[in-house]
Amino acid sequence: MDFKELVRKNRSYRRFDESFKIEKQTLKDLIDLARLAPSSKNLQLLRYVISCDEEKNSRIFSHLGWARYIPNWEGPEEGERPTAYIIILGDTTIKAAPNYGYGIAAQTIMLGAVEKGLGGCMIRTVDTYHLRLELAIPDRYEILMVLALGKPAEKVVIEPLDEAGHVAYWRDEEGVHHVPKRSLDDIILDL
């Protein structure tokens, strides 16, 4: 698959085939891709916690927020939940410029996941206090983002913004997830 198709298929999936298990080595391979990505001042301050264990996954899941634009939806139900997680941490003992590198790392991991036939969701709505306690994450590490991963079990389609310019994603009666995107002409400024 060419790069543009890889990017197109890299959607925020929120429902997964929970019978499909992801191996620990797959998570390590994805993190190895992120390890090779650019890092501000090459300080490499990111660290990762991985999980592909059902019990640990359940503990992580309970501290995540899902799809705020979809009313009355608390996240995937049993059987639709992610089968793996990668928690991205920043090592606060390394002095650096503001850390935006975790976005580069997260996107690199997600593109690698798509290439392997997987999908996921980058989650920043995280109860970091309780997740830290739950997993005994030392204070020196800042929880930056959680990546939920699995075999996608939903269809996600990209469509143009409506005339009013609404950006909120939504699901139709068949459960298809619609994601409005601005046009290329709308985002390039002719200055």
N, C-alpha and C. Protein backbone atom coordinates (compact mmCIF):
# COMPACT_ATOMS: atom_id res chain seq x y z
N MET A 1 0.85 -1.17 0.00
CA MET A 1 0.00 0.00 0.00
C MET A 1 0.90 1.23 0.00
N ASP A 2 0.55 2.22 -0.82
CA ASP A 2 1.37 3.42 -0.88
C ASP A 2 1.12 4.28 0.37
N PHE A 3 1.98 5.28 0.55
CA PHE A 3 1.93 6.07 1.78
C PHE A 3 0.60 6.80 1.96
N LYS A 4 0.05 7.38 0.88
CA LYS A 4 -1.21 8.10 0.99
C LYS A 4 -2.34 7.17 1.44
N GLU A 5 -2.35 5.96 0.92
CA GLU A 5 -3.37 4.98 1.33
C GLU A 5 -3.18 4.59 2.79
N LEU A 6 -1.93 4.45 3.22
CA LEU A 6 -1.63 4.15 4.62
C LEU A 6 -2.20 5.25 5.52
N VAL A 7 -2.01 6.51 5.14
CA VAL A 7 -2.53 7.63 5.92
C VAL A 7 -4.05 7.63 5.91
N ARG A 8 -4.67 7.37 4.76
CA ARG A 8 -6.14 7.32 4.67
C ARG A 8 -6.74 6.25 5.57
N LYS A 9 -6.05 5.12 5.66
CA LYS A 9 -6.56 4.01 6.48
C LYS A 9 -6.27 4.20 7.97
N ASN A 10 -5.45 5.17 8.29
CA ASN A 10 -5.11 5.44 9.69
C ASN A 10 -6.18 6.34 10.30
N ARG A 11 -7.29 5.77 10.67
CA ARG A 11 -8.40 6.48 11.28
C ARG A 11 -8.37 6.27 12.79
N SER A 12 -9.19 7.01 13.52
CA SER A 12 -9.37 6.76 14.95
C SER A 12 -10.45 5.71 15.11
N TYR A 13 -10.04 4.47 15.29
CA TYR A 13 -10.99 3.37 15.51
C TYR A 13 -11.28 3.26 16.99
N ARG A 14 -12.54 3.02 17.30
CA ARG A 14 -12.94 2.93 18.71
C ARG A 14 -13.67 1.63 19.03
N ARG A 15 -13.85 0.78 18.02
CA ARG A 15 -14.45 -0.54 18.25
C ARG A 15 -13.58 -1.57 17.53
N PHE A 16 -13.31 -2.66 18.25
CA PHE A 16 -12.33 -3.64 17.79
C PHE A 16 -12.89 -5.06 17.91
N ASP A 17 -12.27 -5.98 17.20
CA ASP A 17 -12.57 -7.41 17.32
C ASP A 17 -11.73 -7.92 18.49
N GLU A 18 -12.38 -8.06 19.63
CA GLU A 18 -11.64 -8.41 20.85
C GLU A 18 -11.11 -9.84 20.83
N SER A 19 -11.59 -10.66 19.88
CA SER A 19 -11.06 -12.03 19.78
C SER A 19 -9.69 -12.05 19.11
N PHE A 20 -9.32 -10.95 18.45
CA PHE A 20 -8.02 -10.86 17.79
C PHE A 20 -6.98 -10.34 18.78
N LYS A 21 -6.03 -11.18 19.11
CA LYS A 21 -5.02 -10.81 20.11
C LYS A 21 -3.76 -10.25 19.43
N ILE A 22 -3.19 -9.25 20.06
CA ILE A 22 -1.94 -8.66 19.59
C ILE A 22 -0.82 -9.16 20.48
N GLU A 23 0.25 -9.61 19.86
CA GLU A 23 1.39 -10.14 20.60
C GLU A 23 2.28 -9.01 21.14
N LYS A 24 2.95 -9.30 22.23
CA LYS A 24 3.87 -8.34 22.85
C LYS A 24 4.96 -7.92 21.86
N GLN A 25 5.44 -8.86 21.05
CA GLN A 25 6.50 -8.54 20.08
C GLN A 25 6.01 -7.52 19.05
N THR A 26 4.73 -7.59 18.68
CA THR A 26 4.16 -6.61 17.75
C THR A 26 4.23 -5.22 18.35
N LEU A 27 3.90 -5.10 19.63
CA LEU A 27 3.98 -3.80 20.31
C LEU A 27 5.43 -3.30 20.36
N LYS A 28 6.35 -4.20 20.63
CA LYS A 28 7.77 -3.82 20.65
C LYS A 28 8.22 -3.35 19.26
N ASP A 29 7.76 -4.05 18.22
CA ASP A 29 8.12 -3.64 16.85
C ASP A 29 7.59 -2.25 16.52
N LEU A 30 6.38 -1.95 16.98
CA LEU A 30 5.79 -0.62 16.74
C LEU A 30 6.56 0.46 17.49
N ILE A 31 6.94 0.18 18.71
CA ILE A 31 7.72 1.15 19.49
C ILE A 31 9.10 1.34 18.88
N ASP A 32 9.63 0.28 18.29
CA ASP A 32 10.94 0.40 17.63
C ASP A 32 10.86 1.39 16.47
N LEU A 33 9.72 1.44 15.77
CA LEU A 33 9.54 2.44 14.71
C LEU A 33 9.59 3.85 15.31
N ALA A 34 8.89 4.04 16.43
CA ALA A 34 8.86 5.36 17.08
C ALA A 34 10.25 5.74 17.60
N ARG A 35 11.00 4.75 18.04
CA ARG A 35 12.36 4.99 18.54
C ARG A 35 13.24 5.63 17.47
N LEU A 36 12.95 5.31 16.21
CA LEU A 36 13.75 5.82 15.09
C LEU A 36 13.29 7.19 14.60
N ALA A 37 12.14 7.65 15.08
CA ALA A 37 11.57 8.94 14.64
C ALA A 37 12.37 10.11 15.23
N PRO A 38 12.22 11.29 14.64
CA PRO A 38 12.91 12.47 15.17
C PRO A 38 12.54 12.76 16.63
N SER A 39 13.49 13.32 17.35
CA SER A 39 13.31 13.69 18.75
C SER A 39 13.97 15.05 18.96
N SER A 40 13.25 15.99 19.59
CA SER A 40 13.80 17.32 19.83
C SER A 40 15.16 17.21 20.53
N LYS A 41 16.16 17.87 19.94
CA LYS A 41 17.54 17.86 20.44
C LYS A 41 18.09 16.44 20.58
N ASN A 42 17.42 15.48 19.98
CA ASN A 42 17.77 14.06 20.06
C ASN A 42 17.87 13.57 21.51
N LEU A 43 17.07 14.16 22.39
CA LEU A 43 17.11 13.79 23.81
C LEU A 43 16.41 12.46 24.10
N GLN A 44 15.49 12.06 23.24
CA GLN A 44 14.84 10.75 23.36
C GLN A 44 14.25 10.53 24.75
N LEU A 45 13.38 11.46 25.14
CA LEU A 45 12.83 11.41 26.49
C LEU A 45 11.57 10.56 26.63
N LEU A 46 11.11 9.96 25.55
CA LEU A 46 9.89 9.16 25.63
C LEU A 46 10.18 7.76 26.17
N ARG A 47 9.25 7.28 26.97
CA ARG A 47 9.28 5.91 27.49
C ARG A 47 7.90 5.32 27.25
N TYR A 48 7.78 4.01 27.32
CA TYR A 48 6.52 3.35 26.96
C TYR A 48 6.17 2.25 27.95
N VAL A 49 4.88 2.13 28.23
CA VAL A 49 4.35 1.00 28.97
C VAL A 49 3.46 0.27 27.98
N ILE A 50 3.64 -1.04 27.88
CA ILE A 50 2.82 -1.80 26.93
C ILE A 50 1.94 -2.80 27.67
N SER A 51 0.82 -3.13 27.03
CA SER A 51 -0.08 -4.13 27.58
C SER A 51 -0.80 -4.86 26.46
N CYS A 52 -0.77 -6.18 26.54
CA CYS A 52 -1.60 -7.01 25.67
C CYS A 52 -2.22 -8.13 26.50
N ASP A 53 -2.27 -7.90 27.80
CA ASP A 53 -2.82 -8.83 28.77
C ASP A 53 -4.25 -8.38 29.13
N GLU A 54 -5.20 -9.30 29.09
CA GLU A 54 -6.61 -8.93 29.31
C GLU A 54 -6.84 -8.20 30.64
N GLU A 55 -6.25 -8.70 31.69
CA GLU A 55 -6.47 -8.11 33.01
C GLU A 55 -5.88 -6.69 33.08
N LYS A 56 -4.67 -6.54 32.58
CA LYS A 56 -4.02 -5.22 32.58
C LYS A 56 -4.77 -4.27 31.63
N ASN A 57 -5.20 -4.78 30.48
CA ASN A 57 -5.98 -3.97 29.54
C ASN A 57 -7.24 -3.42 30.21
N SER A 58 -7.90 -4.26 30.98
CA SER A 58 -9.13 -3.84 31.67
C SER A 58 -8.83 -2.72 32.67
N ARG A 59 -7.71 -2.82 33.35
CA ARG A 59 -7.31 -1.79 34.31
C ARG A 59 -7.03 -0.47 33.61
N ILE A 60 -6.41 -0.53 32.44
CA ILE A 60 -6.12 0.69 31.66
C ILE A 60 -7.41 1.28 31.12
N PHE A 61 -8.26 0.44 30.54
CA PHE A 61 -9.51 0.88 29.92
C PHE A 61 -10.35 1.73 30.86
N SER A 62 -10.39 1.37 32.13
CA SER A 62 -11.25 2.06 33.09
C SER A 62 -10.84 3.51 33.35
N HIS A 63 -9.67 3.92 32.84
CA HIS A 63 -9.19 5.28 33.07
C HIS A 63 -9.16 6.14 31.81
N LEU A 64 -9.86 5.68 30.77
CA LEU A 64 -9.85 6.38 29.49
C LEU A 64 -11.20 6.98 29.15
N GLY A 65 -11.19 8.10 28.45
CA GLY A 65 -12.41 8.71 27.92
C GLY A 65 -12.50 8.43 26.43
N TRP A 66 -13.70 8.21 25.94
CA TRP A 66 -13.89 7.80 24.55
C TRP A 66 -14.88 8.70 23.83
N ALA A 67 -14.54 9.19 22.65
CA ALA A 67 -15.45 9.80 21.66
C ALA A 67 -16.46 10.77 22.27
N ARG A 68 -16.00 11.90 22.71
CA ARG A 68 -16.87 12.87 23.37
C ARG A 68 -17.97 13.44 22.47
N TYR A 69 -17.78 13.42 21.15
CA TYR A 69 -18.82 13.93 20.26
C TYR A 69 -20.01 12.97 20.16
N ILE A 70 -19.83 11.73 20.54
CA ILE A 70 -20.92 10.76 20.44
C ILE A 70 -21.65 10.73 21.78
N PRO A 71 -22.90 11.24 21.80
CA PRO A 71 -23.62 11.34 23.07
C PRO A 71 -23.97 9.96 23.65
N ASN A 72 -23.94 9.88 24.96
CA ASN A 72 -24.34 8.69 25.69
C ASN A 72 -23.57 7.44 25.29
N TRP A 73 -22.30 7.62 24.97
CA TRP A 73 -21.47 6.46 24.62
C TRP A 73 -20.25 6.47 25.53
N GLU A 74 -20.13 5.46 26.36
CA GLU A 74 -19.05 5.38 27.34
C GLU A 74 -17.83 4.66 26.81
N GLY A 75 -17.85 4.31 25.53
CA GLY A 75 -16.73 3.60 24.94
C GLY A 75 -17.13 2.22 24.49
N PRO A 76 -16.17 1.49 23.94
CA PRO A 76 -16.49 0.17 23.41
C PRO A 76 -17.00 -0.78 24.48
N GLU A 77 -17.95 -1.60 24.07
CA GLU A 77 -18.53 -2.61 24.98
C GLU A 77 -17.62 -3.83 25.02
N GLU A 78 -17.91 -4.73 25.96
CA GLU A 78 -17.18 -6.01 26.01
C GLU A 78 -17.28 -6.66 24.65
N GLY A 79 -16.17 -7.18 24.16
CA GLY A 79 -16.11 -7.80 22.84
C GLY A 79 -15.66 -6.83 21.76
N GLU A 80 -15.69 -5.51 22.07
CA GLU A 80 -15.29 -4.47 21.12
C GLU A 80 -14.08 -3.67 21.61
N ARG A 81 -13.52 -4.08 22.72
CA ARG A 81 -12.46 -3.28 23.34
C ARG A 81 -11.10 -3.55 22.72
N PRO A 82 -10.18 -2.61 22.87
CA PRO A 82 -8.82 -2.82 22.35
C PRO A 82 -8.18 -4.04 23.00
N THR A 83 -7.31 -4.70 22.25
CA THR A 83 -6.61 -5.86 22.81
C THR A 83 -5.17 -5.53 23.18
N ALA A 84 -4.80 -4.27 22.99
CA ALA A 84 -3.46 -3.84 23.40
C ALA A 84 -3.45 -2.34 23.63
N TYR A 85 -2.50 -1.91 24.44
CA TYR A 85 -2.29 -0.49 24.70
C TYR A 85 -0.80 -0.19 24.72
N ILE A 86 -0.49 1.03 24.28
CA ILE A 86 0.85 1.59 24.47
C ILE A 86 0.64 2.93 25.17
N ILE A 87 1.20 3.06 26.35
CA ILE A 87 1.12 4.31 27.10
C ILE A 87 2.43 5.05 26.85
N ILE A 88 2.32 6.27 26.34
CA ILE A 88 3.51 7.07 26.04
C ILE A 88 3.77 7.98 27.24
N LEU A 89 4.99 7.90 27.74
CA LEU A 89 5.42 8.67 28.91
C LEU A 89 6.57 9.60 28.53
N GLY A 90 6.68 10.70 29.24
CA GLY A 90 7.83 11.59 29.10
C GLY A 90 8.65 11.53 30.37
N ASP A 91 9.93 11.34 30.23
CA ASP A 91 10.84 11.30 31.38
C ASP A 91 11.16 12.73 31.79
N THR A 92 10.60 13.17 32.92
CA THR A 92 10.74 14.55 33.37
C THR A 92 12.13 14.87 33.91
N THR A 93 12.98 13.85 34.08
CA THR A 93 14.33 14.13 34.56
C THR A 93 15.25 14.57 33.42
N ILE A 94 14.77 14.45 32.20
CA ILE A 94 15.54 14.92 31.04
C ILE A 94 15.04 16.32 30.71
N LYS A 95 15.92 17.29 30.80
CA LYS A 95 15.54 18.68 30.55
C LYS A 95 15.47 18.91 29.04
N ALA A 96 14.31 19.38 28.60
CA ALA A 96 14.13 19.56 27.16
C ALA A 96 13.19 20.72 26.89
N ALA A 97 13.13 21.08 25.63
CA ALA A 97 12.12 22.04 25.18
C ALA A 97 10.76 21.37 25.35
N PRO A 98 9.65 22.14 25.23
CA PRO A 98 8.33 21.50 25.34
C PRO A 98 8.27 20.26 24.46
N ASN A 99 7.69 19.20 25.01
CA ASN A 99 7.70 17.92 24.33
C ASN A 99 6.51 17.75 23.39
N TYR A 100 6.76 18.00 22.11
CA TYR A 100 5.74 17.73 21.10
C TYR A 100 6.06 16.44 20.38
N GLY A 101 7.19 15.85 20.67
CA GLY A 101 7.65 14.66 19.97
C GLY A 101 6.76 13.45 20.17
N TYR A 102 5.95 13.45 21.23
CA TYR A 102 5.10 12.28 21.43
C TYR A 102 4.04 12.16 20.35
N GLY A 103 3.67 13.28 19.72
CA GLY A 103 2.73 13.22 18.60
C GLY A 103 3.36 12.54 17.40
N ILE A 104 4.64 12.85 17.16
CA ILE A 104 5.38 12.19 16.07
C ILE A 104 5.48 10.70 16.36
N ALA A 105 5.82 10.36 17.59
CA ALA A 105 5.94 8.95 17.97
C ALA A 105 4.61 8.23 17.83
N ALA A 106 3.53 8.86 18.31
CA ALA A 106 2.20 8.24 18.24
C ALA A 106 1.78 7.99 16.80
N GLN A 107 1.97 8.99 15.94
CA GLN A 107 1.60 8.82 14.52
C GLN A 107 2.44 7.73 13.86
N THR A 108 3.71 7.67 14.20
CA THR A 108 4.58 6.64 13.64
C THR A 108 4.09 5.26 14.05
N ILE A 109 3.75 5.11 15.32
CA ILE A 109 3.22 3.83 15.82
C ILE A 109 1.92 3.48 15.10
N MET A 110 1.03 4.46 14.96
CA MET A 110 -0.26 4.18 14.32
C MET A 110 -0.12 3.80 12.85
N LEU A 111 0.77 4.48 12.14
CA LEU A 111 1.00 4.11 10.74
C LEU A 111 1.58 2.70 10.65
N GLY A 112 2.47 2.36 11.56
CA GLY A 112 3.00 1.00 11.61
C GLY A 112 1.91 -0.02 11.91
N ALA A 113 0.99 0.34 12.79
CA ALA A 113 -0.12 -0.56 13.12
C ALA A 113 -1.00 -0.80 11.89
N VAL A 114 -1.31 0.26 11.16
CA VAL A 114 -2.14 0.13 9.95
C VAL A 114 -1.44 -0.79 8.94
N GLU A 115 -0.15 -0.61 8.79
CA GLU A 115 0.60 -1.45 7.86
C GLU A 115 0.49 -2.93 8.23
N LYS A 116 0.31 -3.22 9.53
CA LYS A 116 0.18 -4.60 10.01
C LYS A 116 -1.28 -5.08 10.02
N GLY A 117 -2.20 -4.26 9.48
CA GLY A 117 -3.60 -4.65 9.46
C GLY A 117 -4.34 -4.34 10.74
N LEU A 118 -3.75 -3.52 11.59
CA LEU A 118 -4.36 -3.14 12.86
C LEU A 118 -4.88 -1.72 12.76
N GLY A 119 -5.47 -1.24 13.82
CA GLY A 119 -5.92 0.14 13.90
C GLY A 119 -5.90 0.56 15.35
N GLY A 120 -6.21 1.83 15.58
CA GLY A 120 -6.18 2.27 16.95
C GLY A 120 -6.73 3.65 17.13
N CYS A 121 -6.58 4.15 18.34
CA CYS A 121 -7.07 5.48 18.69
C CYS A 121 -6.06 6.11 19.64
N MET A 122 -5.68 7.36 19.33
CA MET A 122 -4.82 8.13 20.22
C MET A 122 -5.72 8.80 21.25
N ILE A 123 -5.49 8.53 22.51
CA ILE A 123 -6.38 9.02 23.56
C ILE A 123 -5.62 9.95 24.50
N ARG A 124 -6.14 11.18 24.61
CA ARG A 124 -5.56 12.15 25.56
C ARG A 124 -6.52 12.42 26.71
N THR A 125 -7.75 11.90 26.62
CA THR A 125 -8.68 12.03 27.74
C THR A 125 -8.41 10.85 28.67
N VAL A 126 -7.48 11.08 29.59
CA VAL A 126 -6.99 10.02 30.46
C VAL A 126 -7.02 10.52 31.90
N ASP A 127 -7.53 9.70 32.79
CA ASP A 127 -7.45 10.00 34.22
C ASP A 127 -6.03 9.61 34.65
N THR A 128 -5.11 10.53 34.44
CA THR A 128 -3.69 10.22 34.64
C THR A 128 -3.37 9.91 36.10
N TYR A 129 -4.06 10.57 37.01
CA TYR A 129 -3.80 10.33 38.43
C TYR A 129 -4.07 8.87 38.79
N HIS A 130 -5.25 8.38 38.43
CA HIS A 130 -5.61 7.01 38.79
C HIS A 130 -4.89 5.97 37.94
N LEU A 131 -4.61 6.29 36.68
CA LEU A 131 -3.85 5.36 35.85
C LEU A 131 -2.44 5.19 36.42
N ARG A 132 -1.84 6.28 36.86
CA ARG A 132 -0.51 6.22 37.48
C ARG A 132 -0.54 5.29 38.70
N LEU A 133 -1.56 5.46 39.55
CA LEU A 133 -1.68 4.61 40.74
C LEU A 133 -1.92 3.15 40.34
N GLU A 134 -2.81 2.95 39.39
CA GLU A 134 -3.20 1.61 38.94
C GLU A 134 -2.00 0.79 38.46
N LEU A 135 -1.11 1.45 37.72
CA LEU A 135 0.03 0.73 37.13
C LEU A 135 1.35 0.99 37.87
N ALA A 136 1.28 1.74 38.96
CA ALA A 136 2.48 2.08 39.74
C ALA A 136 3.55 2.74 38.86
N ILE A 137 3.12 3.72 38.07
CA ILE A 137 4.04 4.47 37.21
C ILE A 137 4.76 5.48 38.09
N PRO A 138 6.09 5.44 38.12
CA PRO A 138 6.84 6.38 38.97
C PRO A 138 6.56 7.85 38.60
N ASP A 139 6.64 8.72 39.58
CA ASP A 139 6.34 10.14 39.41
C ASP A 139 7.23 10.83 38.38
N ARG A 140 8.40 10.31 38.15
CA ARG A 140 9.31 10.96 37.21
C ARG A 140 8.79 10.92 35.77
N TYR A 141 7.78 10.07 35.50
CA TYR A 141 7.23 9.94 34.15
C TYR A 141 5.88 10.62 34.03
N GLU A 142 5.77 11.53 33.07
CA GLU A 142 4.51 12.19 32.78
C GLU A 142 3.74 11.35 31.77
N ILE A 143 2.47 11.06 32.07
CA ILE A 143 1.63 10.32 31.13
C ILE A 143 1.17 11.30 30.05
N LEU A 144 1.60 11.07 28.82
CA LEU A 144 1.32 11.99 27.72
C LEU A 144 0.13 11.56 26.87
N MET A 145 0.00 10.27 26.64
CA MET A 145 -1.04 9.78 25.74
C MET A 145 -1.14 8.26 25.88
N VAL A 146 -2.34 7.74 25.59
CA VAL A 146 -2.53 6.30 25.54
C VAL A 146 -2.97 5.94 24.13
N LEU A 147 -2.32 4.93 23.56
CA LEU A 147 -2.71 4.42 22.26
C LEU A 147 -3.46 3.11 22.48
N ALA A 148 -4.71 3.08 22.04
CA ALA A 148 -5.52 1.86 22.11
C ALA A 148 -5.40 1.17 20.77
N LEU A 149 -5.10 -0.11 20.78
CA LEU A 149 -4.84 -0.84 19.52
C LEU A 149 -5.65 -2.12 19.44
N GLY A 150 -5.97 -2.51 18.21
CA GLY A 150 -6.67 -3.76 17.97
C GLY A 150 -6.97 -3.94 16.50
N LYS A 151 -7.73 -4.97 16.21
CA LYS A 151 -8.21 -5.22 14.85
C LYS A 151 -9.52 -4.45 14.71
N PRO A 152 -9.56 -3.43 13.84
CA PRO A 152 -10.77 -2.60 13.74
C PRO A 152 -12.02 -3.43 13.43
N ALA A 153 -13.11 -3.08 14.11
CA ALA A 153 -14.40 -3.73 13.90
C ALA A 153 -15.47 -2.68 13.62
N GLU A 154 -15.07 -1.63 12.94
CA GLU A 154 -16.01 -0.61 12.53
C GLU A 154 -15.51 0.02 11.25
N LYS A 155 -16.44 0.59 10.51
CA LYS A 155 -16.09 1.30 9.29
C LYS A 155 -16.03 2.78 9.60
N VAL A 156 -14.94 3.43 9.17
CA VAL A 156 -14.78 4.87 9.35
C VAL A 156 -14.61 5.48 7.97
N VAL A 157 -15.43 6.50 7.68
CA VAL A 157 -15.36 7.16 6.38
C VAL A 157 -15.07 8.65 6.56
N ILE A 158 -14.29 9.18 5.63
CA ILE A 158 -13.98 10.61 5.61
C ILE A 158 -14.96 11.27 4.65
N GLU A 159 -15.47 12.42 5.05
CA GLU A 159 -16.38 13.15 4.17
C GLU A 159 -16.14 14.65 4.33
N PRO A 160 -16.59 15.45 3.38
CA PRO A 160 -16.40 16.91 3.49
C PRO A 160 -17.23 17.49 4.64
N LEU A 161 -16.80 18.65 5.14
CA LEU A 161 -17.60 19.36 6.13
C LEU A 161 -18.94 19.74 5.52
N ASP A 162 -19.97 19.81 6.35
CA ASP A 162 -21.25 20.28 5.84
C ASP A 162 -21.20 21.80 5.64
N GLU A 163 -22.27 22.37 5.10
CA GLU A 163 -22.27 23.80 4.79
C GLU A 163 -22.05 24.68 6.00
N ALA A 164 -22.45 24.20 7.18
CA ALA A 164 -22.27 24.98 8.40
C ALA A 164 -20.84 24.85 8.96
N GLY A 165 -20.06 23.94 8.39
CA GLY A 165 -18.67 23.77 8.84
C GLY A 165 -18.51 22.94 10.10
N HIS A 166 -19.47 22.07 10.41
CA HIS A 166 -19.37 21.23 11.61
C HIS A 166 -18.24 20.22 11.48
N VAL A 167 -17.45 20.11 12.51
CA VAL A 167 -16.32 19.18 12.51
C VAL A 167 -16.59 17.93 13.36
N ALA A 168 -17.68 17.90 14.08
CA ALA A 168 -17.98 16.78 14.97
C ALA A 168 -18.20 15.50 14.17
N TYR A 169 -17.50 14.44 14.56
CA TYR A 169 -17.73 13.14 13.95
C TYR A 169 -19.03 12.57 14.50
N TRP A 170 -19.59 11.57 13.80
CA TRP A 170 -20.87 11.00 14.20
C TRP A 170 -21.01 9.60 13.62
N ARG A 171 -21.97 8.87 14.15
CA ARG A 171 -22.28 7.53 13.66
C ARG A 171 -23.69 7.51 13.09
N ASP A 172 -23.84 6.81 11.97
CA ASP A 172 -25.18 6.69 11.37
C ASP A 172 -25.90 5.47 11.96
N GLU A 173 -27.10 5.19 11.45
CA GLU A 173 -27.91 4.10 11.98
C GLU A 173 -27.26 2.73 11.84
N GLU A 174 -26.38 2.57 10.85
CA GLU A 174 -25.67 1.30 10.66
C GLU A 174 -24.39 1.22 11.47
N GLY A 175 -24.09 2.26 12.22
CA GLY A 175 -22.88 2.27 13.05
C GLY A 175 -21.63 2.72 12.32
N VAL A 176 -21.80 3.22 11.09
CA VAL A 176 -20.64 3.73 10.34
C VAL A 176 -20.22 5.05 10.97
N HIS A 177 -18.94 5.18 11.20
CA HIS A 177 -18.38 6.36 11.85
C HIS A 177 -17.97 7.37 10.76
N HIS A 178 -18.55 8.55 10.77
CA HIS A 178 -18.30 9.58 9.76
C HIS A 178 -17.40 10.67 10.35
N VAL A 179 -16.35 11.02 9.61
CA VAL A 179 -15.38 12.01 10.07
C VAL A 179 -15.30 13.14 9.04
N PRO A 180 -15.88 14.31 9.34
CA PRO A 180 -15.78 15.44 8.41
C PRO A 180 -14.37 16.02 8.39
N LYS A 181 -13.88 16.33 7.19
CA LYS A 181 -12.56 16.93 7.04
C LYS A 181 -12.67 18.17 6.16
N ARG A 182 -11.89 19.18 6.51
CA ARG A 182 -11.82 20.39 5.70
C ARG A 182 -11.18 20.05 4.35
N SER A 183 -11.52 20.81 3.33
CA SER A 183 -10.93 20.58 2.01
C SER A 183 -9.50 21.11 1.99
N LEU A 184 -8.72 20.65 1.03
CA LEU A 184 -7.35 21.11 0.88
C LEU A 184 -7.30 22.62 0.62
N ASP A 185 -8.25 23.11 -0.22
CA ASP A 185 -8.30 24.55 -0.50
C ASP A 185 -8.61 25.37 0.75
N ASP A 186 -9.35 24.79 1.69
CA ASP A 186 -9.69 25.52 2.92
C ASP A 186 -8.52 25.66 3.88
N ILE A 187 -7.54 24.79 3.77
CA ILE A 187 -6.46 24.84 4.77
C ILE A 187 -5.16 25.44 4.25
N ILE A 188 -5.08 25.69 2.94
CA ILE A 188 -3.89 26.34 2.40
C ILE A 188 -4.19 27.81 2.19
N LEU A 189 -3.44 28.66 2.87
CA LEU A 189 -3.65 30.09 2.77
C LEU A 189 -2.82 30.66 1.61
N ASP A 190 -3.47 31.45 0.78
CA ASP A 190 -2.77 32.07 -0.34
C ASP A 190 -2.37 33.48 0.08
N LEU A 191 -1.21 33.58 0.73
CA LEU A 191 -0.73 34.85 1.27
C LEU A 191 0.41 35.40 0.44
